Amino acid sequence: MSKKILITGGPGTGKTALINELISEGFICFEEKSREITSSYKKKGVDQLFLSKPLLFSELLLNSRIEQYLDSNNTKNDEVFFDRGIPDVIAYLDFKEIGYGESFLNACKKHKYDIVFMLRPWEEIYINDTQRYESYKELVKIDNFIYNTYTSLNYKIIEIPKTSIKNRLEFILKMINKL
C-alpha cells in the first residue's frame, strides 16, 4: 500500500503550487476538491456554497476526500500526495463555529495519513481570488485551527520552510526519505 502524504495549510500558503510541482515531477497527487465543488455550485447560481450552506459544502467535501483516500489504495506508487486532508474539513467548521455530526470526526480517525506536511501563513505570497475570500488575518486564524485539529488527532506535523517551490519540494523529499 502507498504511503499517504498530506500537504495542508491555510488558504494561499502555496499548497497547490507545490502539488503541481510534485505532479510535474511524476508523483501521484490527489488535488484539492473544494474549488471544484464551489465551481459546480456557482454554475447553479450559488456564489459561495461554504458561506451559504457550510454543512452541505463540508459534507460534499468530506465525501470527496474520503473517496480520494480510498482511491489512493489502488495506486502502485510508493507514495501518494494529497492537497489537503479529511481533518481540514472539521478545522474549517470549527473556525466558522459550525457544529457537525460525529461522522466527521469518525472519518478523520478511520482514514489516517502517514505523513503530514504543513505550509504556514506567508504574507508575501498570499493572494485573494474569486474563490479564496479569506483575508490574511483570517488565514492566520484558519492556520491555527488546522494545526490544532491535526495535533488533536495525534499527527506529528512537519512544517515546510518558507522558500521557493523547488526548495520546498526538496525538503519534502528529504524528509520522506528520513522517515
N, C-alpha and C. Protein backbone atom coordinates (compact mmCIF):
# COMPACT_ATOMS: atom_id res chain seq x y z
N MET A 1 0.84 -1.18 0.00
CA MET A 1 0.00 0.00 0.00
C MET A 1 0.89 1.25 0.00
N SER A 2 0.45 2.27 -0.71
CA SER A 2 1.21 3.51 -0.82
C SER A 2 1.23 4.29 0.50
N LYS A 3 2.32 4.98 0.73
CA LYS A 3 2.42 5.89 1.86
C LYS A 3 1.60 7.13 1.53
N LYS A 4 0.69 7.50 2.41
CA LYS A 4 -0.19 8.65 2.20
C LYS A 4 0.44 9.89 2.82
N ILE A 5 0.78 10.84 1.95
CA ILE A 5 1.48 12.05 2.38
C ILE A 5 0.59 13.25 2.13
N LEU A 6 0.34 14.00 3.17
CA LEU A 6 -0.59 15.11 3.12
C LEU A 6 0.16 16.44 3.10
N ILE A 7 -0.31 17.34 2.24
CA ILE A 7 0.16 18.73 2.24
C ILE A 7 -1.04 19.56 2.68
N THR A 8 -0.93 20.22 3.82
CA THR A 8 -2.03 21.03 4.32
C THR A 8 -1.54 22.42 4.69
N GLY A 9 -2.47 23.25 5.09
CA GLY A 9 -2.18 24.63 5.47
C GLY A 9 -3.36 25.50 5.10
N GLY A 10 -3.33 26.71 5.55
CA GLY A 10 -4.42 27.63 5.27
C GLY A 10 -4.45 28.03 3.80
N PRO A 11 -5.47 28.81 3.43
CA PRO A 11 -5.60 29.23 2.04
C PRO A 11 -4.45 30.15 1.64
N GLY A 12 -3.95 29.98 0.43
CA GLY A 12 -2.93 30.88 -0.10
C GLY A 12 -1.54 30.68 0.45
N THR A 13 -1.24 29.49 0.97
CA THR A 13 0.09 29.24 1.52
C THR A 13 1.02 28.52 0.55
N GLY A 14 0.51 28.19 -0.65
CA GLY A 14 1.34 27.57 -1.67
C GLY A 14 1.13 26.08 -1.86
N LYS A 15 0.05 25.54 -1.30
CA LYS A 15 -0.19 24.09 -1.40
C LYS A 15 -0.35 23.64 -2.85
N THR A 16 -1.20 24.33 -3.58
CA THR A 16 -1.49 23.92 -4.95
C THR A 16 -0.26 24.05 -5.84
N ALA A 17 0.51 25.11 -5.67
CA ALA A 17 1.75 25.25 -6.45
C ALA A 17 2.70 24.10 -6.15
N LEU A 18 2.78 23.71 -4.91
CA LEU A 18 3.64 22.60 -4.51
C LEU A 18 3.11 21.27 -5.07
N ILE A 19 1.82 21.07 -5.00
CA ILE A 19 1.22 19.86 -5.58
C ILE A 19 1.48 19.82 -7.09
N ASN A 20 1.32 20.95 -7.77
CA ASN A 20 1.59 21.00 -9.21
C ASN A 20 3.04 20.66 -9.52
N GLU A 21 3.96 21.07 -8.67
CA GLU A 21 5.37 20.74 -8.84
C GLU A 21 5.60 19.24 -8.65
N LEU A 22 4.94 18.67 -7.64
CA LEU A 22 5.04 17.23 -7.43
C LEU A 22 4.50 16.46 -8.64
N ILE A 23 3.38 16.93 -9.19
CA ILE A 23 2.81 16.29 -10.38
C ILE A 23 3.79 16.38 -11.55
N SER A 24 4.41 17.55 -11.73
CA SER A 24 5.36 17.72 -12.85
C SER A 24 6.59 16.82 -12.68
N GLU A 25 6.86 16.42 -11.44
CA GLU A 25 7.99 15.51 -11.17
C GLU A 25 7.56 14.04 -11.25
N GLY A 26 6.30 13.80 -11.58
CA GLY A 26 5.82 12.44 -11.79
C GLY A 26 5.17 11.77 -10.60
N PHE A 27 4.95 12.49 -9.52
CA PHE A 27 4.31 11.91 -8.34
C PHE A 27 2.79 11.86 -8.53
N ILE A 28 2.17 10.88 -7.91
CA ILE A 28 0.71 10.77 -7.91
C ILE A 28 0.18 11.72 -6.83
N CYS A 29 -0.70 12.63 -7.25
CA CYS A 29 -1.26 13.61 -6.32
C CYS A 29 -2.77 13.68 -6.47
N PHE A 30 -3.44 13.77 -5.35
CA PHE A 30 -4.87 13.97 -5.33
C PHE A 30 -5.10 15.44 -5.02
N GLU A 31 -5.70 16.13 -5.99
CA GLU A 31 -5.82 17.58 -5.90
C GLU A 31 -7.00 18.01 -5.04
N GLU A 32 -6.94 19.25 -4.59
CA GLU A 32 -7.98 19.86 -3.76
C GLU A 32 -9.32 19.84 -4.49
N LYS A 33 -10.37 19.48 -3.77
CA LYS A 33 -11.71 19.36 -4.36
C LYS A 33 -12.62 20.56 -4.06
N SER A 34 -12.23 21.43 -3.13
CA SER A 34 -13.15 22.50 -2.73
C SER A 34 -13.46 23.45 -3.88
N ARG A 35 -12.45 23.77 -4.70
CA ARG A 35 -12.71 24.67 -5.83
C ARG A 35 -13.65 24.03 -6.84
N GLU A 36 -13.51 22.73 -7.03
CA GLU A 36 -14.40 22.00 -7.95
C GLU A 36 -15.85 22.06 -7.46
N ILE A 37 -16.05 21.84 -6.17
CA ILE A 37 -17.39 21.90 -5.59
C ILE A 37 -17.93 23.33 -5.70
N THR A 38 -17.11 24.32 -5.35
CA THR A 38 -17.52 25.71 -5.42
C THR A 38 -17.90 26.08 -6.86
N SER A 39 -17.10 25.68 -7.83
CA SER A 39 -17.38 25.99 -9.24
C SER A 39 -18.68 25.36 -9.71
N SER A 40 -18.91 24.10 -9.33
CA SER A 40 -20.13 23.43 -9.78
C SER A 40 -21.37 24.12 -9.20
N TYR A 41 -21.28 24.63 -7.98
CA TYR A 41 -22.42 25.31 -7.39
C TYR A 41 -22.56 26.74 -7.91
N LYS A 42 -21.46 27.35 -8.33
CA LYS A 42 -21.55 28.68 -8.96
C LYS A 42 -22.37 28.58 -10.24
N LYS A 43 -22.18 27.48 -10.97
CA LYS A 43 -22.96 27.27 -12.20
C LYS A 43 -24.44 27.13 -11.90
N LYS A 44 -24.77 26.76 -10.67
CA LYS A 44 -26.17 26.63 -10.24
C LYS A 44 -26.68 27.91 -9.60
N GLY A 45 -25.83 28.96 -9.60
CA GLY A 45 -26.24 30.25 -9.05
C GLY A 45 -25.90 30.48 -7.60
N VAL A 46 -25.11 29.59 -6.99
CA VAL A 46 -24.71 29.75 -5.59
C VAL A 46 -23.28 30.27 -5.58
N ASP A 47 -23.09 31.51 -5.14
CA ASP A 47 -21.78 32.14 -5.23
C ASP A 47 -20.73 31.44 -4.37
N GLN A 48 -20.99 31.28 -3.09
CA GLN A 48 -20.05 30.62 -2.17
C GLN A 48 -20.83 29.62 -1.33
N LEU A 49 -20.83 28.37 -1.76
CA LEU A 49 -21.59 27.34 -1.05
C LEU A 49 -21.15 27.23 0.40
N PHE A 50 -19.84 27.32 0.67
CA PHE A 50 -19.39 27.20 2.06
C PHE A 50 -19.98 28.30 2.93
N LEU A 51 -20.15 29.50 2.37
CA LEU A 51 -20.71 30.60 3.16
C LEU A 51 -22.22 30.50 3.30
N SER A 52 -22.91 30.03 2.26
CA SER A 52 -24.37 29.96 2.31
C SER A 52 -24.89 28.68 2.94
N LYS A 53 -24.23 27.55 2.69
CA LYS A 53 -24.64 26.26 3.26
C LYS A 53 -23.38 25.49 3.66
N PRO A 54 -22.75 25.92 4.74
CA PRO A 54 -21.46 25.35 5.10
C PRO A 54 -21.48 23.85 5.40
N LEU A 55 -22.56 23.37 5.99
CA LEU A 55 -22.60 21.94 6.31
C LEU A 55 -22.75 21.10 5.04
N LEU A 56 -23.57 21.54 4.10
CA LEU A 56 -23.70 20.82 2.83
C LEU A 56 -22.36 20.81 2.10
N PHE A 57 -21.72 21.97 2.00
CA PHE A 57 -20.42 22.04 1.36
C PHE A 57 -19.44 21.09 2.04
N SER A 58 -19.41 21.10 3.35
CA SER A 58 -18.47 20.28 4.11
C SER A 58 -18.76 18.79 3.96
N GLU A 59 -20.02 18.42 3.88
CA GLU A 59 -20.36 17.01 3.65
C GLU A 59 -19.89 16.56 2.27
N LEU A 60 -20.11 17.41 1.26
CA LEU A 60 -19.64 17.09 -0.10
C LEU A 60 -18.11 16.97 -0.13
N LEU A 61 -17.46 17.89 0.55
CA LEU A 61 -16.01 17.88 0.58
C LEU A 61 -15.47 16.67 1.35
N LEU A 62 -16.07 16.37 2.48
CA LEU A 62 -15.68 15.20 3.26
C LEU A 62 -15.78 13.94 2.41
N ASN A 63 -16.91 13.77 1.74
CA ASN A 63 -17.11 12.58 0.91
C ASN A 63 -16.09 12.51 -0.23
N SER A 64 -15.78 13.64 -0.84
CA SER A 64 -14.80 13.62 -1.94
C SER A 64 -13.40 13.30 -1.42
N ARG A 65 -13.06 13.78 -0.24
CA ARG A 65 -11.74 13.47 0.32
C ARG A 65 -11.64 12.02 0.77
N ILE A 66 -12.71 11.47 1.29
CA ILE A 66 -12.72 10.05 1.64
C ILE A 66 -12.55 9.22 0.36
N GLU A 67 -13.24 9.62 -0.68
CA GLU A 67 -13.12 8.91 -1.97
C GLU A 67 -11.68 8.96 -2.48
N GLN A 68 -11.04 10.13 -2.39
CA GLN A 68 -9.63 10.24 -2.79
C GLN A 68 -8.76 9.32 -1.96
N TYR A 69 -8.99 9.32 -0.66
CA TYR A 69 -8.21 8.49 0.25
C TYR A 69 -8.32 7.02 -0.16
N LEU A 70 -9.53 6.58 -0.39
CA LEU A 70 -9.76 5.18 -0.78
C LEU A 70 -9.18 4.89 -2.16
N ASP A 71 -9.30 5.84 -3.09
CA ASP A 71 -8.72 5.66 -4.42
C ASP A 71 -7.21 5.51 -4.37
N SER A 72 -6.59 6.15 -3.39
CA SER A 72 -5.13 6.09 -3.28
C SER A 72 -4.66 4.67 -2.98
N ASN A 73 -5.54 3.85 -2.43
CA ASN A 73 -5.18 2.45 -2.15
C ASN A 73 -4.99 1.63 -3.43
N ASN A 74 -5.47 2.16 -4.55
CA ASN A 74 -5.37 1.44 -5.81
C ASN A 74 -4.12 1.78 -6.62
N THR A 75 -3.28 2.68 -6.10
CA THR A 75 -2.07 3.04 -6.83
C THR A 75 -0.95 2.07 -6.49
N LYS A 76 -0.02 1.97 -7.41
CA LYS A 76 1.13 1.09 -7.20
C LYS A 76 2.39 1.86 -6.80
N ASN A 77 2.24 3.17 -6.65
CA ASN A 77 3.38 4.02 -6.28
C ASN A 77 3.71 3.86 -4.81
N ASP A 78 4.98 4.14 -4.47
CA ASP A 78 5.40 4.07 -3.07
C ASP A 78 4.75 5.16 -2.23
N GLU A 79 4.55 6.34 -2.84
CA GLU A 79 3.95 7.46 -2.12
C GLU A 79 2.85 8.09 -2.99
N VAL A 80 1.83 8.58 -2.31
CA VAL A 80 0.81 9.42 -2.95
C VAL A 80 0.65 10.67 -2.09
N PHE A 81 0.38 11.77 -2.75
CA PHE A 81 0.24 13.06 -2.08
C PHE A 81 -1.19 13.56 -2.17
N PHE A 82 -1.59 14.29 -1.13
CA PHE A 82 -2.93 14.87 -1.06
C PHE A 82 -2.82 16.36 -0.82
N ASP A 83 -3.57 17.15 -1.59
CA ASP A 83 -3.70 18.59 -1.37
C ASP A 83 -4.87 18.77 -0.41
N ARG A 84 -4.56 18.87 0.85
CA ARG A 84 -5.50 18.94 1.98
C ARG A 84 -6.02 17.55 2.33
N GLY A 85 -6.48 17.43 3.57
CA GLY A 85 -6.93 16.14 4.05
C GLY A 85 -8.31 16.21 4.69
N ILE A 86 -8.75 15.08 5.12
CA ILE A 86 -10.07 14.94 5.74
C ILE A 86 -10.20 15.83 6.99
N PRO A 87 -9.19 15.90 7.86
CA PRO A 87 -9.32 16.76 9.05
C PRO A 87 -9.47 18.25 8.74
N ASP A 88 -9.03 18.69 7.56
CA ASP A 88 -9.20 20.10 7.20
C ASP A 88 -10.68 20.50 7.22
N VAL A 89 -11.55 19.55 6.88
CA VAL A 89 -12.99 19.84 6.84
C VAL A 89 -13.47 20.27 8.22
N ILE A 90 -13.10 19.52 9.26
CA ILE A 90 -13.57 19.91 10.59
C ILE A 90 -12.84 21.15 11.11
N ALA A 91 -11.62 21.37 10.67
CA ALA A 91 -10.89 22.58 11.08
C ALA A 91 -11.64 23.82 10.59
N TYR A 92 -12.11 23.79 9.36
CA TYR A 92 -12.85 24.93 8.82
C TYR A 92 -14.20 25.09 9.51
N LEU A 93 -14.88 23.99 9.79
CA LEU A 93 -16.15 24.09 10.50
C LEU A 93 -15.94 24.65 11.91
N ASP A 94 -14.88 24.21 12.57
CA ASP A 94 -14.56 24.76 13.90
C ASP A 94 -14.25 26.25 13.80
N PHE A 95 -13.50 26.64 12.77
CA PHE A 95 -13.17 28.05 12.56
C PHE A 95 -14.44 28.89 12.43
N LYS A 96 -15.41 28.36 11.70
CA LYS A 96 -16.67 29.09 11.49
C LYS A 96 -17.68 28.85 12.61
N GLU A 97 -17.28 28.05 13.62
CA GLU A 97 -18.13 27.73 14.77
C GLU A 97 -19.45 27.09 14.33
N ILE A 98 -19.30 26.10 13.44
CA ILE A 98 -20.46 25.38 12.92
C ILE A 98 -20.38 23.94 13.42
N GLY A 99 -21.45 23.50 14.06
CA GLY A 99 -21.49 22.13 14.57
C GLY A 99 -21.59 21.11 13.45
N TYR A 100 -21.14 19.92 13.74
CA TYR A 100 -21.17 18.83 12.76
C TYR A 100 -21.33 17.52 13.52
N GLY A 101 -21.76 16.50 12.80
CA GLY A 101 -22.03 15.21 13.41
C GLY A 101 -20.76 14.42 13.70
N GLU A 102 -20.93 13.40 14.48
CA GLU A 102 -19.83 12.51 14.88
C GLU A 102 -19.17 11.85 13.67
N SER A 103 -19.91 11.73 12.57
CA SER A 103 -19.37 11.08 11.37
C SER A 103 -18.14 11.82 10.83
N PHE A 104 -18.07 13.12 11.02
CA PHE A 104 -16.92 13.89 10.55
C PHE A 104 -15.66 13.47 11.31
N LEU A 105 -15.78 13.43 12.63
CA LEU A 105 -14.63 13.04 13.45
C LEU A 105 -14.27 11.57 13.24
N ASN A 106 -15.27 10.72 13.09
CA ASN A 106 -15.01 9.31 12.82
C ASN A 106 -14.26 9.11 11.51
N ALA A 107 -14.61 9.90 10.50
CA ALA A 107 -13.90 9.81 9.20
C ALA A 107 -12.43 10.17 9.37
N CYS A 108 -12.16 11.17 10.20
CA CYS A 108 -10.77 11.58 10.46
C CYS A 108 -9.99 10.46 11.15
N LYS A 109 -10.63 9.80 12.08
CA LYS A 109 -9.97 8.74 12.84
C LYS A 109 -9.78 7.47 12.01
N LYS A 110 -10.71 7.21 11.11
CA LYS A 110 -10.66 6.00 10.31
C LYS A 110 -9.66 6.09 9.15
N HIS A 111 -9.52 7.27 8.57
CA HIS A 111 -8.68 7.46 7.39
C HIS A 111 -7.46 8.31 7.77
N LYS A 112 -6.40 7.64 8.18
CA LYS A 112 -5.21 8.33 8.69
C LYS A 112 -4.14 8.47 7.61
N TYR A 113 -3.45 9.58 7.64
CA TYR A 113 -2.33 9.84 6.73
C TYR A 113 -1.04 9.42 7.42
N ASP A 114 -0.06 9.03 6.61
CA ASP A 114 1.22 8.58 7.16
C ASP A 114 2.13 9.75 7.54
N ILE A 115 2.12 10.78 6.73
CA ILE A 115 2.97 11.95 6.97
C ILE A 115 2.14 13.19 6.70
N VAL A 116 2.24 14.20 7.57
CA VAL A 116 1.53 15.46 7.38
C VAL A 116 2.54 16.60 7.32
N PHE A 117 2.57 17.25 6.16
CA PHE A 117 3.36 18.46 5.97
C PHE A 117 2.41 19.64 6.01
N MET A 118 2.89 20.74 6.60
CA MET A 118 2.04 21.93 6.70
C MET A 118 2.80 23.16 6.24
N LEU A 119 2.11 23.93 5.39
CA LEU A 119 2.60 25.23 4.96
C LEU A 119 1.94 26.28 5.84
N ARG A 120 2.73 27.15 6.42
CA ARG A 120 2.22 28.15 7.35
C ARG A 120 2.00 29.48 6.63
N PRO A 121 1.24 30.39 7.22
CA PRO A 121 0.96 31.68 6.56
C PRO A 121 2.24 32.41 6.16
N TRP A 122 2.20 32.97 4.97
CA TRP A 122 3.33 33.69 4.40
C TRP A 122 2.75 34.87 3.63
N GLU A 123 2.74 36.02 4.27
CA GLU A 123 2.04 37.19 3.73
C GLU A 123 2.55 37.59 2.34
N GLU A 124 3.83 37.42 2.09
CA GLU A 124 4.41 37.83 0.81
C GLU A 124 3.85 37.06 -0.39
N ILE A 125 3.35 35.86 -0.19
CA ILE A 125 2.82 35.09 -1.32
C ILE A 125 1.29 35.00 -1.31
N TYR A 126 0.66 35.54 -0.27
CA TYR A 126 -0.79 35.43 -0.15
C TYR A 126 -1.50 36.30 -1.18
N ILE A 127 -2.47 35.69 -1.90
CA ILE A 127 -3.27 36.40 -2.90
C ILE A 127 -4.73 35.98 -2.75
N ASN A 128 -5.64 36.96 -2.74
CA ASN A 128 -7.07 36.65 -2.80
C ASN A 128 -7.44 36.41 -4.26
N ASP A 129 -8.48 35.63 -4.48
CA ASP A 129 -9.04 35.48 -5.82
C ASP A 129 -10.54 35.29 -5.69
N THR A 130 -11.21 34.94 -6.79
CA THR A 130 -12.67 34.85 -6.76
C THR A 130 -13.19 33.73 -5.87
N GLN A 131 -12.36 32.71 -5.60
CA GLN A 131 -12.81 31.62 -4.74
C GLN A 131 -12.13 31.63 -3.38
N ARG A 132 -11.06 32.37 -3.23
CA ARG A 132 -10.38 32.49 -1.94
C ARG A 132 -10.78 33.84 -1.36
N TYR A 133 -11.77 33.83 -0.51
CA TYR A 133 -12.36 35.06 0.01
C TYR A 133 -11.76 35.49 1.35
N GLU A 134 -10.94 34.66 1.96
CA GLU A 134 -10.43 34.96 3.29
C GLU A 134 -9.35 36.05 3.23
N SER A 135 -9.35 36.92 4.24
CA SER A 135 -8.29 37.91 4.37
C SER A 135 -7.05 37.22 4.96
N TYR A 136 -5.94 37.93 4.94
CA TYR A 136 -4.73 37.36 5.52
C TYR A 136 -4.92 37.11 7.02
N LYS A 137 -5.61 38.03 7.71
CA LYS A 137 -5.88 37.83 9.15
C LYS A 137 -6.69 36.57 9.38
N GLU A 138 -7.68 36.33 8.52
CA GLU A 138 -8.47 35.10 8.64
C GLU A 138 -7.62 33.88 8.36
N LEU A 139 -6.71 33.99 7.39
CA LEU A 139 -5.79 32.89 7.09
C LEU A 139 -5.02 32.48 8.34
N VAL A 140 -4.53 33.44 9.07
CA VAL A 140 -3.75 33.15 10.28
C VAL A 140 -4.62 32.39 11.29
N LYS A 141 -5.87 32.80 11.44
CA LYS A 141 -6.78 32.10 12.36
C LYS A 141 -7.07 30.69 11.86
N ILE A 142 -7.34 30.56 10.57
CA ILE A 142 -7.61 29.24 9.98
C ILE A 142 -6.40 28.33 10.18
N ASP A 143 -5.22 28.87 9.99
CA ASP A 143 -3.98 28.12 10.18
C ASP A 143 -3.93 27.51 11.58
N ASN A 144 -4.31 28.28 12.57
CA ASN A 144 -4.32 27.77 13.95
C ASN A 144 -5.32 26.64 14.12
N PHE A 145 -6.48 26.78 13.51
CA PHE A 145 -7.48 25.71 13.61
C PHE A 145 -6.99 24.44 12.92
N ILE A 146 -6.36 24.59 11.76
CA ILE A 146 -5.83 23.41 11.05
C ILE A 146 -4.75 22.74 11.90
N TYR A 147 -3.82 23.52 12.39
CA TYR A 147 -2.73 22.98 13.21
C TYR A 147 -3.30 22.25 14.43
N ASN A 148 -4.22 22.89 15.12
CA ASN A 148 -4.79 22.30 16.34
C ASN A 148 -5.61 21.05 16.04
N THR A 149 -6.30 21.04 14.91
CA THR A 149 -7.09 19.86 14.54
C THR A 149 -6.17 18.66 14.32
N TYR A 150 -5.11 18.85 13.55
CA TYR A 150 -4.21 17.73 13.28
C TYR A 150 -3.48 17.27 14.55
N THR A 151 -3.04 18.21 15.37
CA THR A 151 -2.34 17.79 16.59
C THR A 151 -3.31 17.09 17.56
N SER A 152 -4.58 17.52 17.59
CA SER A 152 -5.55 16.85 18.47
C SER A 152 -5.84 15.43 17.99
N LEU A 153 -5.59 15.16 16.71
CA LEU A 153 -5.76 13.81 16.16
C LEU A 153 -4.44 13.02 16.21
N ASN A 154 -3.49 13.54 16.98
CA ASN A 154 -2.19 12.90 17.24
C ASN A 154 -1.27 12.79 16.02
N TYR A 155 -1.40 13.74 15.11
CA TYR A 155 -0.45 13.81 14.00
C TYR A 155 0.78 14.61 14.42
N LYS A 156 1.92 14.17 13.93
CA LYS A 156 3.14 14.95 14.05
C LYS A 156 3.23 15.79 12.78
N ILE A 157 3.18 17.09 12.93
CA ILE A 157 3.18 17.99 11.79
C ILE A 157 4.61 18.39 11.46
N ILE A 158 4.95 18.29 10.18
CA ILE A 158 6.25 18.74 9.71
C ILE A 158 6.01 20.04 8.95
N GLU A 159 6.56 21.13 9.46
CA GLU A 159 6.37 22.43 8.82
C GLU A 159 7.36 22.59 7.67
N ILE A 160 6.82 23.02 6.53
CA ILE A 160 7.63 23.24 5.33
C ILE A 160 8.15 24.67 5.39
N PRO A 161 9.45 24.87 5.18
CA PRO A 161 10.01 26.22 5.26
C PRO A 161 9.49 27.16 4.17
N LYS A 162 9.53 28.45 4.48
CA LYS A 162 9.12 29.48 3.53
C LYS A 162 10.29 29.74 2.59
N THR A 163 10.22 29.12 1.44
CA THR A 163 11.29 29.21 0.45
C THR A 163 10.68 28.92 -0.92
N SER A 164 11.49 28.80 -1.93
CA SER A 164 10.98 28.56 -3.29
C SER A 164 10.27 27.21 -3.38
N ILE A 165 9.47 27.06 -4.41
CA ILE A 165 8.76 25.80 -4.63
C ILE A 165 9.76 24.65 -4.78
N LYS A 166 10.81 24.87 -5.54
CA LYS A 166 11.84 23.82 -5.74
C LYS A 166 12.44 23.41 -4.40
N ASN A 167 12.79 24.40 -3.56
CA ASN A 167 13.37 24.08 -2.26
C ASN A 167 12.37 23.38 -1.34
N ARG A 168 11.10 23.77 -1.44
CA ARG A 168 10.06 23.10 -0.65
C ARG A 168 9.94 21.64 -1.07
N LEU A 169 9.97 21.41 -2.38
CA LEU A 169 9.91 20.05 -2.89
C LEU A 169 11.10 19.23 -2.40
N GLU A 170 12.29 19.78 -2.48
CA GLU A 170 13.48 19.07 -2.00
C GLU A 170 13.37 18.76 -0.52
N PHE A 171 12.86 19.70 0.26
CA PHE A 171 12.68 19.49 1.70
C PHE A 171 11.75 18.30 1.95
N ILE A 172 10.62 18.27 1.26
CA ILE A 172 9.65 17.19 1.43
C ILE A 172 10.29 15.84 1.09
N LEU A 173 10.95 15.79 -0.04
CA LEU A 173 11.54 14.51 -0.48
C LEU A 173 12.63 14.04 0.48
N LYS A 174 13.42 14.96 1.01
CA LYS A 174 14.45 14.60 2.01
C LYS A 174 13.79 14.06 3.28
N MET A 175 12.72 14.74 3.72
CA MET A 175 12.04 14.31 4.94
C MET A 175 11.40 12.92 4.76
N ILE A 176 10.81 12.69 3.60
CA ILE A 176 10.19 11.39 3.35
C ILE A 176 11.24 10.29 3.40
N ASN A 177 12.40 10.56 2.83
CA ASN A 177 13.48 9.56 2.84
C ASN A 177 14.03 9.29 4.23
N LYS A 178 13.93 10.28 5.13
CA LYS A 178 14.40 10.11 6.51
C LYS A 178 13.43 9.29 7.35
N LEU A 179 12.15 9.38 7.01
CA LEU A 179 11.12 8.74 7.85
C LEU A 179 10.92 7.28 7.50
